[in-house]
Each structure stands twice: as structure tokens, then as C-alpha cells.
Amino acid sequence: AIGYIGSALALGIGVYLLPRAGYAA
């Protein structure tokens, strides 16, 4: 269950960084 907080964190990282810095970031 706590592991899925990591999933939410991963999504948050992607939502924030993808449009600003791209996939490599």
C-alpha cells in the first residue's frame, strides 16, 4: 500500500517535469 505512494510520486514527477524538461529529465 505504501508502495503505491511511490506510484503517485512517479506520476507527479512526470506530470510536472515532462512538459517542462522532457523524458530524460
mmCIF file of all heavy atoms, coordinates in Angstrom:
data_MODEL
# 
_entry.id   MODEL 
# 
loop_
_atom_site.group_PDB 
_atom_site.id 
_atom_site.type_symbol 
_atom_site.label_atom_id 
_atom_site.label_alt_id 
_atom_site.label_comp_id 
_atom_site.label_asym_id 
_atom_site.label_entity_id 
_atom_site.label_seq_id 
_atom_site.pdbx_PDB_ins_code 
_atom_site.Cartn_x 
_atom_site.Cartn_y 
_atom_site.Cartn_z 
_atom_site.occupancy 
_atom_site.B_iso_or_equiv 
_atom_site.pdbx_formal_charge 
_atom_site.auth_seq_id 
_atom_site.auth_comp_id 
_atom_site.auth_asym_id 
_atom_site.auth_atom_id 
_atom_site.pdbx_PDB_model_num 
ATOM 1   N N   . ALA A 1 1  ? 0.828  -1.210 0.000   1.00 0.00 ? 1  ALA A N   1 
ATOM 2   C CA  . ALA A 1 1  ? 0.000  0.000  0.000   1.00 0.00 ? 1  ALA A CA  1 
ATOM 3   C C   . ALA A 1 1  ? 0.861  1.258  0.000   1.00 0.00 ? 1  ALA A C   1 
ATOM 4   O O   . ALA A 1 1  ? 0.621  2.193  -0.774  1.00 0.00 ? 1  ALA A O   1 
ATOM 5   C CB  . ALA A 1 1  ? -0.925 -0.017 1.217   1.00 0.00 ? 1  ALA A CB  1 
ATOM 6   N N   . ILE A 1 2  ? 1.882  1.303  0.872   1.00 0.00 ? 2  ILE A N   1 
ATOM 7   C CA  . ILE A 1 2  ? 2.784  2.456  0.892   1.00 0.00 ? 2  ILE A CA  1 
ATOM 8   C C   . ILE A 1 2  ? 3.548  2.544  -0.425  1.00 0.00 ? 2  ILE A C   1 
ATOM 9   O O   . ILE A 1 2  ? 3.862  3.629  -0.920  1.00 0.00 ? 2  ILE A O   1 
ATOM 10  C CB  . ILE A 1 2  ? 3.762  2.348  2.077   1.00 0.00 ? 2  ILE A CB  1 
ATOM 11  C CG1 . ILE A 1 2  ? 3.002  2.431  3.404   1.00 0.00 ? 2  ILE A CG1 1 
ATOM 12  C CG2 . ILE A 1 2  ? 4.823  3.443  2.010   1.00 0.00 ? 2  ILE A CG2 1 
ATOM 13  C CD1 . ILE A 1 2  ? 2.263  3.730  3.625   1.00 0.00 ? 2  ILE A CD1 1 
ATOM 14  N N   . GLY A 1 3  ? 3.819  1.379  -1.008  1.00 0.00 ? 3  GLY A N   1 
ATOM 15  C CA  . GLY A 1 3  ? 4.497  1.373  -2.294  1.00 0.00 ? 3  GLY A CA  1 
ATOM 16  C C   . GLY A 1 3  ? 3.746  2.158  -3.346  1.00 0.00 ? 3  GLY A C   1 
ATOM 17  O O   . GLY A 1 3  ? 4.363  2.796  -4.220  1.00 0.00 ? 3  GLY A O   1 
ATOM 18  N N   . TYR A 1 4  ? 2.421  2.151  -3.267  1.00 0.00 ? 4  TYR A N   1 
ATOM 19  C CA  . TYR A 1 4  ? 1.653  2.872  -4.276  1.00 0.00 ? 4  TYR A CA  1 
ATOM 20  C C   . TYR A 1 4  ? 1.730  4.379  -4.101  1.00 0.00 ? 4  TYR A C   1 
ATOM 21  O O   . TYR A 1 4  ? 1.389  5.135  -5.009  1.00 0.00 ? 4  TYR A O   1 
ATOM 22  C CB  . TYR A 1 4  ? 0.210  2.369  -4.300  1.00 0.00 ? 4  TYR A CB  1 
ATOM 23  C CG  . TYR A 1 4  ? 0.138  1.028  -4.991  1.00 0.00 ? 4  TYR A CG  1 
ATOM 24  C CD1 . TYR A 1 4  ? -0.131 -0.136 -4.283  1.00 0.00 ? 4  TYR A CD1 1 
ATOM 25  C CD2 . TYR A 1 4  ? 0.407  0.917  -6.349  1.00 0.00 ? 4  TYR A CD2 1 
ATOM 26  C CE1 . TYR A 1 4  ? -0.157 -1.374 -4.913  1.00 0.00 ? 4  TYR A CE1 1 
ATOM 27  C CE2 . TYR A 1 4  ? 0.392  -0.312 -6.989  1.00 0.00 ? 4  TYR A CE2 1 
ATOM 28  C CZ  . TYR A 1 4  ? 0.108  -1.450 -6.260  1.00 0.00 ? 4  TYR A CZ  1 
ATOM 29  O OH  . TYR A 1 4  ? 0.100  -2.661 -6.891  1.00 0.00 ? 4  TYR A OH  1 
ATOM 30  N N   . ILE A 1 5  ? 2.213  4.829  -2.938  1.00 0.00 ? 5  ILE A N   1 
ATOM 31  C CA  . ILE A 1 5  ? 2.547  6.254  -2.820  1.00 0.00 ? 5  ILE A CA  1 
ATOM 32  C C   . ILE A 1 5  ? 3.710  6.564  -3.761  1.00 0.00 ? 5  ILE A C   1 
ATOM 33  O O   . ILE A 1 5  ? 3.785  7.642  -4.356  1.00 0.00 ? 5  ILE A O   1 
ATOM 34  C CB  . ILE A 1 5  ? 2.903  6.607  -1.360  1.00 0.00 ? 5  ILE A CB  1 
ATOM 35  C CG1 . ILE A 1 5  ? 1.676  6.394  -0.459  1.00 0.00 ? 5  ILE A CG1 1 
ATOM 36  C CG2 . ILE A 1 5  ? 3.398  8.044  -1.260  1.00 0.00 ? 5  ILE A CG2 1 
ATOM 37  C CD1 . ILE A 1 5  ? 1.953  6.623  1.009   1.00 0.00 ? 5  ILE A CD1 1 
ATOM 38  N N   . GLY A 1 6  ? 4.613  5.584  -3.911  1.00 0.00 ? 6  GLY A N   1 
ATOM 39  C CA  . GLY A 1 6  ? 5.690  5.738  -4.885  1.00 0.00 ? 6  GLY A CA  1 
ATOM 40  C C   . GLY A 1 6  ? 5.157  5.852  -6.301  1.00 0.00 ? 6  GLY A C   1 
ATOM 41  O O   . GLY A 1 6  ? 5.709  6.595  -7.130  1.00 0.00 ? 6  GLY A O   1 
ATOM 42  N N   . SER A 1 7  ? 4.087  5.129  -6.588  1.00 0.00 ? 7  SER A N   1 
ATOM 43  C CA  . SER A 1 7  ? 3.462  5.253  -7.905  1.00 0.00 ? 7  SER A CA  1 
ATOM 44  C C   . SER A 1 7  ? 2.905  6.660  -8.109  1.00 0.00 ? 7  SER A C   1 
ATOM 45  O O   . SER A 1 7  ? 3.072  7.259  -9.173  1.00 0.00 ? 7  SER A O   1 
ATOM 46  C CB  . SER A 1 7  ? 2.335  4.226  -8.038  1.00 0.00 ? 7  SER A CB  1 
ATOM 47  O OG  . SER A 1 7  ? 2.824  2.914  -7.932  1.00 0.00 ? 7  SER A OG  1 
ATOM 48  N N   . ALA A 1 8  ? 2.236  7.179  -7.073  1.00 0.00 ? 8  ALA A N   1 
ATOM 49  C CA  . ALA A 1 8  ? 1.703  8.536  -7.162  1.00 0.00 ? 8  ALA A CA  1 
ATOM 50  C C   . ALA A 1 8  ? 2.833  9.551  -7.303  1.00 0.00 ? 8  ALA A C   1 
ATOM 51  O O   . ALA A 1 8  ? 2.726  10.524 -8.068  1.00 0.00 ? 8  ALA A O   1 
ATOM 52  C CB  . ALA A 1 8  ? 0.860  8.849  -5.923  1.00 0.00 ? 8  ALA A CB  1 
ATOM 53  N N   . LEU A 1 9  ? 3.935  9.313  -6.578  1.00 0.00 ? 9  LEU A N   1 
ATOM 54  C CA  . LEU A 1 9  ? 5.092  10.196 -6.697  1.00 0.00 ? 9  LEU A CA  1 
ATOM 55  C C   . LEU A 1 9  ? 5.655  10.170 -8.109  1.00 0.00 ? 9  LEU A C   1 
ATOM 56  O O   . LEU A 1 9  ? 6.004  11.214 -8.681  1.00 0.00 ? 9  LEU A O   1 
ATOM 57  C CB  . LEU A 1 9  ? 6.164  9.768  -5.691  1.00 0.00 ? 9  LEU A CB  1 
ATOM 58  C CG  . LEU A 1 9  ? 7.514  10.499 -5.776  1.00 0.00 ? 9  LEU A CG  1 
ATOM 59  C CD1 . LEU A 1 9  ? 7.333  11.980 -5.468  1.00 0.00 ? 9  LEU A CD1 1 
ATOM 60  C CD2 . LEU A 1 9  ? 8.520  9.865  -4.821  1.00 0.00 ? 9  LEU A CD2 1 
ATOM 61  N N   . ALA A 1 10 ? 5.744  8.961  -8.689  1.00 0.00 ? 10 ALA A N   1 
ATOM 62  C CA  . ALA A 1 10 ? 6.247  8.834  -10.062 1.00 0.00 ? 10 ALA A CA  1 
ATOM 63  C C   . ALA A 1 10 ? 5.369  9.596  -11.037 1.00 0.00 ? 10 ALA A C   1 
ATOM 64  O O   . ALA A 1 10 ? 5.870  10.283 -11.951 1.00 0.00 ? 10 ALA A O   1 
ATOM 65  C CB  . ALA A 1 10 ? 6.327  7.360  -10.453 1.00 0.00 ? 10 ALA A CB  1 
ATOM 66  N N   . LEU A 1 11 ? 4.053  9.491  -10.869 1.00 0.00 ? 11 LEU A N   1 
ATOM 67  C CA  . LEU A 1 11 ? 3.142  10.245 -11.733 1.00 0.00 ? 11 LEU A CA  1 
ATOM 68  C C   . LEU A 1 11 ? 3.334  11.739 -11.553 1.00 0.00 ? 11 LEU A C   1 
ATOM 69  O O   . LEU A 1 11 ? 3.342  12.508 -12.527 1.00 0.00 ? 11 LEU A O   1 
ATOM 70  C CB  . LEU A 1 11 ? 1.697  9.872  -11.427 1.00 0.00 ? 11 LEU A CB  1 
ATOM 71  C CG  . LEU A 1 11 ? 1.159  8.585  -12.026 1.00 0.00 ? 11 LEU A CG  1 
ATOM 72  C CD1 . LEU A 1 11 ? -0.280 8.378  -11.581 1.00 0.00 ? 11 LEU A CD1 1 
ATOM 73  C CD2 . LEU A 1 11 ? 1.235  8.619  -13.548 1.00 0.00 ? 11 LEU A CD2 1 
ATOM 74  N N   . GLY A 1 12 ? 3.472  12.175 -10.303 1.00 0.00 ? 12 GLY A N   1 
ATOM 75  C CA  . GLY A 1 12 ? 3.669  13.593 -10.036 1.00 0.00 ? 12 GLY A CA  1 
ATOM 76  C C   . GLY A 1 12 ? 4.931  14.128 -10.681 1.00 0.00 ? 12 GLY A C   1 
ATOM 77  O O   . GLY A 1 12 ? 4.946  15.236 -11.247 1.00 0.00 ? 12 GLY A O   1 
ATOM 78  N N   . ILE A 1 13 ? 6.002  13.345 -10.601 1.00 0.00 ? 13 ILE A N   1 
ATOM 79  C CA  . ILE A 1 13 ? 7.258  13.738 -11.250 1.00 0.00 ? 13 ILE A CA  1 
ATOM 80  C C   . ILE A 1 13 ? 7.048  13.904 -12.750 1.00 0.00 ? 13 ILE A C   1 
ATOM 81  O O   . ILE A 1 13 ? 7.496  14.879 -13.360 1.00 0.00 ? 13 ILE A O   1 
ATOM 82  C CB  . ILE A 1 13 ? 8.355  12.693 -10.961 1.00 0.00 ? 13 ILE A CB  1 
ATOM 83  C CG1 . ILE A 1 13 ? 8.786  12.785 -9.494  1.00 0.00 ? 13 ILE A CG1 1 
ATOM 84  C CG2 . ILE A 1 13 ? 9.553  12.878 -11.892 1.00 0.00 ? 13 ILE A CG2 1 
ATOM 85  C CD1 . ILE A 1 13 ? 9.707  11.664 -9.052  1.00 0.00 ? 13 ILE A CD1 1 
ATOM 86  N N   . GLY A 1 14 ? 6.351  12.932 -13.355 1.00 0.00 ? 14 GLY A N   1 
ATOM 87  C CA  . GLY A 1 14 ? 6.114  13.004 -14.788 1.00 0.00 ? 14 GLY A CA  1 
ATOM 88  C C   . GLY A 1 14 ? 5.226  14.162 -15.182 1.00 0.00 ? 14 GLY A C   1 
ATOM 89  O O   . GLY A 1 14 ? 5.514  14.878 -16.166 1.00 0.00 ? 14 GLY A O   1 
ATOM 90  N N   . VAL A 1 15 ? 4.151  14.372 -14.437 1.00 0.00 ? 15 VAL A N   1 
ATOM 91  C CA  . VAL A 1 15 ? 3.224  15.466 -14.752 1.00 0.00 ? 15 VAL A CA  1 
ATOM 92  C C   . VAL A 1 15 ? 3.929  16.809 -14.686 1.00 0.00 ? 15 VAL A C   1 
ATOM 93  O O   . VAL A 1 15 ? 3.706  17.699 -15.521 1.00 0.00 ? 15 VAL A O   1 
ATOM 94  C CB  . VAL A 1 15 ? 2.013  15.429 -13.792 1.00 0.00 ? 15 VAL A CB  1 
ATOM 95  C CG1 . VAL A 1 15 ? 1.200  16.713 -13.899 1.00 0.00 ? 15 VAL A CG1 1 
ATOM 96  C CG2 . VAL A 1 15 ? 1.135  14.227 -14.088 1.00 0.00 ? 15 VAL A CG2 1 
ATOM 97  N N   . TYR A 1 16 ? 4.802  16.973 -13.697 1.00 0.00 ? 16 TYR A N   1 
ATOM 98  C CA  . TYR A 1 16 ? 5.485  18.262 -13.547 1.00 0.00 ? 16 TYR A CA  1 
ATOM 99  C C   . TYR A 1 16 ? 6.621  18.433 -14.553 1.00 0.00 ? 16 TYR A C   1 
ATOM 100 O O   . TYR A 1 16 ? 6.745  19.479 -15.207 1.00 0.00 ? 16 TYR A O   1 
ATOM 101 C CB  . TYR A 1 16 ? 6.032  18.403 -12.127 1.00 0.00 ? 16 TYR A CB  1 
ATOM 102 C CG  . TYR A 1 16 ? 6.764  19.707 -11.908 1.00 0.00 ? 16 TYR A CG  1 
ATOM 103 C CD1 . TYR A 1 16 ? 6.052  20.891 -11.692 1.00 0.00 ? 16 TYR A CD1 1 
ATOM 104 C CD2 . TYR A 1 16 ? 8.155  19.765 -11.959 1.00 0.00 ? 16 TYR A CD2 1 
ATOM 105 C CE1 . TYR A 1 16 ? 6.726  22.103 -11.517 1.00 0.00 ? 16 TYR A CE1 1 
ATOM 106 C CE2 . TYR A 1 16 ? 8.829  20.964 -11.783 1.00 0.00 ? 16 TYR A CE2 1 
ATOM 107 C CZ  . TYR A 1 16 ? 8.108  22.127 -11.565 1.00 0.00 ? 16 TYR A CZ  1 
ATOM 108 O OH  . TYR A 1 16 ? 8.769  23.320 -11.402 1.00 0.00 ? 16 TYR A OH  1 
ATOM 109 N N   . LEU A 1 17 ? 7.461  17.428 -14.699 1.00 0.00 ? 17 LEU A N   1 
ATOM 110 C CA  . LEU A 1 17 ? 8.689  17.583 -15.494 1.00 0.00 ? 17 LEU A CA  1 
ATOM 111 C C   . LEU A 1 17 ? 8.509  17.355 -16.986 1.00 0.00 ? 17 LEU A C   1 
ATOM 112 O O   . LEU A 1 17 ? 9.213  17.973 -17.796 1.00 0.00 ? 17 LEU A O   1 
ATOM 113 C CB  . LEU A 1 17 ? 9.774  16.635 -14.974 1.00 0.00 ? 17 LEU A CB  1 
ATOM 114 C CG  . LEU A 1 17 ? 10.488 17.031 -13.688 1.00 0.00 ? 17 LEU A CG  1 
ATOM 115 C CD1 . LEU A 1 17 ? 11.526 15.976 -13.325 1.00 0.00 ? 17 LEU A CD1 1 
ATOM 116 C CD2 . LEU A 1 17 ? 11.162 18.384 -13.832 1.00 0.00 ? 17 LEU A CD2 1 
ATOM 117 N N   . LEU A 1 18 ? 7.600  16.453 -17.376 1.00 0.00 ? 18 LEU A N   1 
ATOM 118 C CA  . LEU A 1 18 ? 7.511  16.087 -18.791 1.00 0.00 ? 18 LEU A CA  1 
ATOM 119 C C   . LEU A 1 18 ? 7.263  17.288 -19.701 1.00 0.00 ? 18 LEU A C   1 
ATOM 120 O O   . LEU A 1 18 ? 7.989  17.480 -20.689 1.00 0.00 ? 18 LEU A O   1 
ATOM 121 C CB  . LEU A 1 18 ? 6.440  15.011 -18.984 1.00 0.00 ? 18 LEU A CB  1 
ATOM 122 C CG  . LEU A 1 18 ? 6.371  14.382 -20.372 1.00 0.00 ? 18 LEU A CG  1 
ATOM 123 C CD1 . LEU A 1 18 ? 7.723  13.766 -20.758 1.00 0.00 ? 18 LEU A CD1 1 
ATOM 124 C CD2 . LEU A 1 18 ? 5.280  13.317 -20.416 1.00 0.00 ? 18 LEU A CD2 1 
ATOM 125 N N   . PRO A 1 19 ? 6.267  18.134 -19.413 1.00 0.00 ? 19 PRO A N   1 
ATOM 126 C CA  . PRO A 1 19 ? 6.058  19.272 -20.318 1.00 0.00 ? 19 PRO A CA  1 
ATOM 127 C C   . PRO A 1 19 ? 7.132  20.352 -20.197 1.00 0.00 ? 19 PRO A C   1 
ATOM 128 O O   . PRO A 1 19 ? 7.268  21.189 -21.091 1.00 0.00 ? 19 PRO A O   1 
ATOM 129 C CB  . PRO A 1 19 ? 4.688  19.812 -19.886 1.00 0.00 ? 19 PRO A CB  1 
ATOM 130 C CG  . PRO A 1 19 ? 4.540  19.382 -18.471 1.00 0.00 ? 19 PRO A CG  1 
ATOM 131 C CD  . PRO A 1 19 ? 5.237  18.068 -18.363 1.00 0.00 ? 19 PRO A CD  1 
ATOM 132 N N   . ARG A 1 20 ? 7.883  20.343 -19.112 1.00 0.00 ? 20 ARG A N   1 
ATOM 133 C CA  . ARG A 1 20 ? 8.879  21.393 -18.870 1.00 0.00 ? 20 ARG A CA  1 
ATOM 134 C C   . ARG A 1 20 ? 10.285 21.002 -19.314 1.00 0.00 ? 20 ARG A C   1 
ATOM 135 O O   . ARG A 1 20 ? 11.060 21.849 -19.771 1.00 0.00 ? 20 ARG A O   1 
ATOM 136 C CB  . ARG A 1 20 ? 8.903  21.754 -17.377 1.00 0.00 ? 20 ARG A CB  1 
ATOM 137 C CG  . ARG A 1 20 ? 7.633  22.414 -16.881 1.00 0.00 ? 20 ARG A CG  1 
ATOM 138 C CD  . ARG A 1 20 ? 7.621  22.549 -15.363 1.00 0.00 ? 20 ARG A CD  1 
ATOM 139 N NE  . ARG A 1 20 ? 6.470  23.315 -14.890 1.00 0.00 ? 20 ARG A NE  1 
ATOM 140 C CZ  . ARG A 1 20 ? 5.263  22.807 -14.705 1.00 0.00 ? 20 ARG A CZ  1 
ATOM 141 N NH1 . ARG A 1 20 ? 5.046  21.515 -14.960 1.00 0.00 ? 20 ARG A NH1 1 
ATOM 142 N NH2 . ARG A 1 20 ? 4.280  23.566 -14.281 1.00 0.00 ? 20 ARG A NH2 1 
ATOM 143 N N   . ALA A 1 21 ? 10.626 19.721 -19.142 1.00 0.00 ? 21 ALA A N   1 
ATOM 144 C CA  . ALA A 1 21 ? 12.022 19.329 -19.379 1.00 0.00 ? 21 ALA A CA  1 
ATOM 145 C C   . ALA A 1 21 ? 12.186 18.079 -20.220 1.00 0.00 ? 21 ALA A C   1 
ATOM 146 O O   . ALA A 1 21 ? 13.307 17.742 -20.593 1.00 0.00 ? 21 ALA A O   1 
ATOM 147 C CB  . ALA A 1 21 ? 12.730 19.151 -18.032 1.00 0.00 ? 21 ALA A CB  1 
ATOM 148 N N   . GLY A 1 22 ? 11.103 17.349 -20.507 1.00 0.00 ? 22 GLY A N   1 
ATOM 149 C CA  . GLY A 1 22 ? 11.189 16.182 -21.367 1.00 0.00 ? 22 GLY A CA  1 
ATOM 150 C C   . GLY A 1 22 ? 11.424 14.880 -20.622 1.00 0.00 ? 22 GLY A C   1 
ATOM 151 O O   . GLY A 1 22 ? 11.586 14.843 -19.391 1.00 0.00 ? 22 GLY A O   1 
ATOM 152 N N   . TYR A 1 23 ? 11.457 13.807 -21.396 1.00 0.00 ? 23 TYR A N   1 
ATOM 153 C CA  . TYR A 1 23 ? 11.514 12.467 -20.820 1.00 0.00 ? 23 TYR A CA  1 
ATOM 154 C C   . TYR A 1 23 ? 12.820 12.180 -20.078 1.00 0.00 ? 23 TYR A C   1 
ATOM 155 O O   . TYR A 1 23 ? 12.816 11.518 -19.040 1.00 0.00 ? 23 TYR A O   1 
ATOM 156 C CB  . TYR A 1 23 ? 11.306 11.421 -21.919 1.00 0.00 ? 23 TYR A CB  1 
ATOM 157 C CG  . TYR A 1 23 ? 9.863  11.177 -22.263 1.00 0.00 ? 23 TYR A CG  1 
ATOM 158 C CD1 . TYR A 1 23 ? 9.272  11.818 -23.338 1.00 0.00 ? 23 TYR A CD1 1 
ATOM 159 C CD2 . TYR A 1 23 ? 9.087  10.300 -21.508 1.00 0.00 ? 23 TYR A CD2 1 
ATOM 160 C CE1 . TYR A 1 23 ? 7.933  11.590 -23.664 1.00 0.00 ? 23 TYR A CE1 1 
ATOM 161 C CE2 . TYR A 1 23 ? 7.759  10.069 -21.818 1.00 0.00 ? 23 TYR A CE2 1 
ATOM 162 C CZ  . TYR A 1 23 ? 7.188  10.718 -22.897 1.00 0.00 ? 23 TYR A CZ  1 
ATOM 163 O OH  . TYR A 1 23 ? 5.866  10.487 -23.200 1.00 0.00 ? 23 TYR A OH  1 
ATOM 164 N N   . ALA A 1 24 ? 13.952 12.638 -20.612 1.00 0.00 ? 24 ALA A N   1 
ATOM 165 C CA  . ALA A 1 24 ? 15.231 12.343 -19.962 1.00 0.00 ? 24 ALA A CA  1 
ATOM 166 C C   . ALA A 1 24 ? 15.247 12.877 -18.533 1.00 0.00 ? 24 ALA A C   1 
ATOM 167 O O   . ALA A 1 24 ? 15.718 12.201 -17.597 1.00 0.00 ? 24 ALA A O   1 
ATOM 168 C CB  . ALA A 1 24 ? 16.384 12.928 -20.769 1.00 0.00 ? 24 ALA A CB  1 
ATOM 169 N N   . ALA A 1 25 ? 14.711 14.080 -18.341 1.00 0.00 ? 25 ALA A N   1 
ATOM 170 C CA  . ALA A 1 25 ? 14.655 14.664 -17.001 1.00 0.00 ? 25 ALA A CA  1 
ATOM 171 C C   . ALA A 1 25 ? 13.729 13.866 -16.094 1.00 0.00 ? 25 ALA A C   1 
ATOM 172 O O   . ALA A 1 25 ? 14.003 13.700 -14.894 1.00 0.00 ? 25 ALA A O   1 
ATOM 173 C CB  . ALA A 1 25 ? 14.192 16.120 -17.084 1.00 0.00 ? 25 ALA A CB  1 
# 
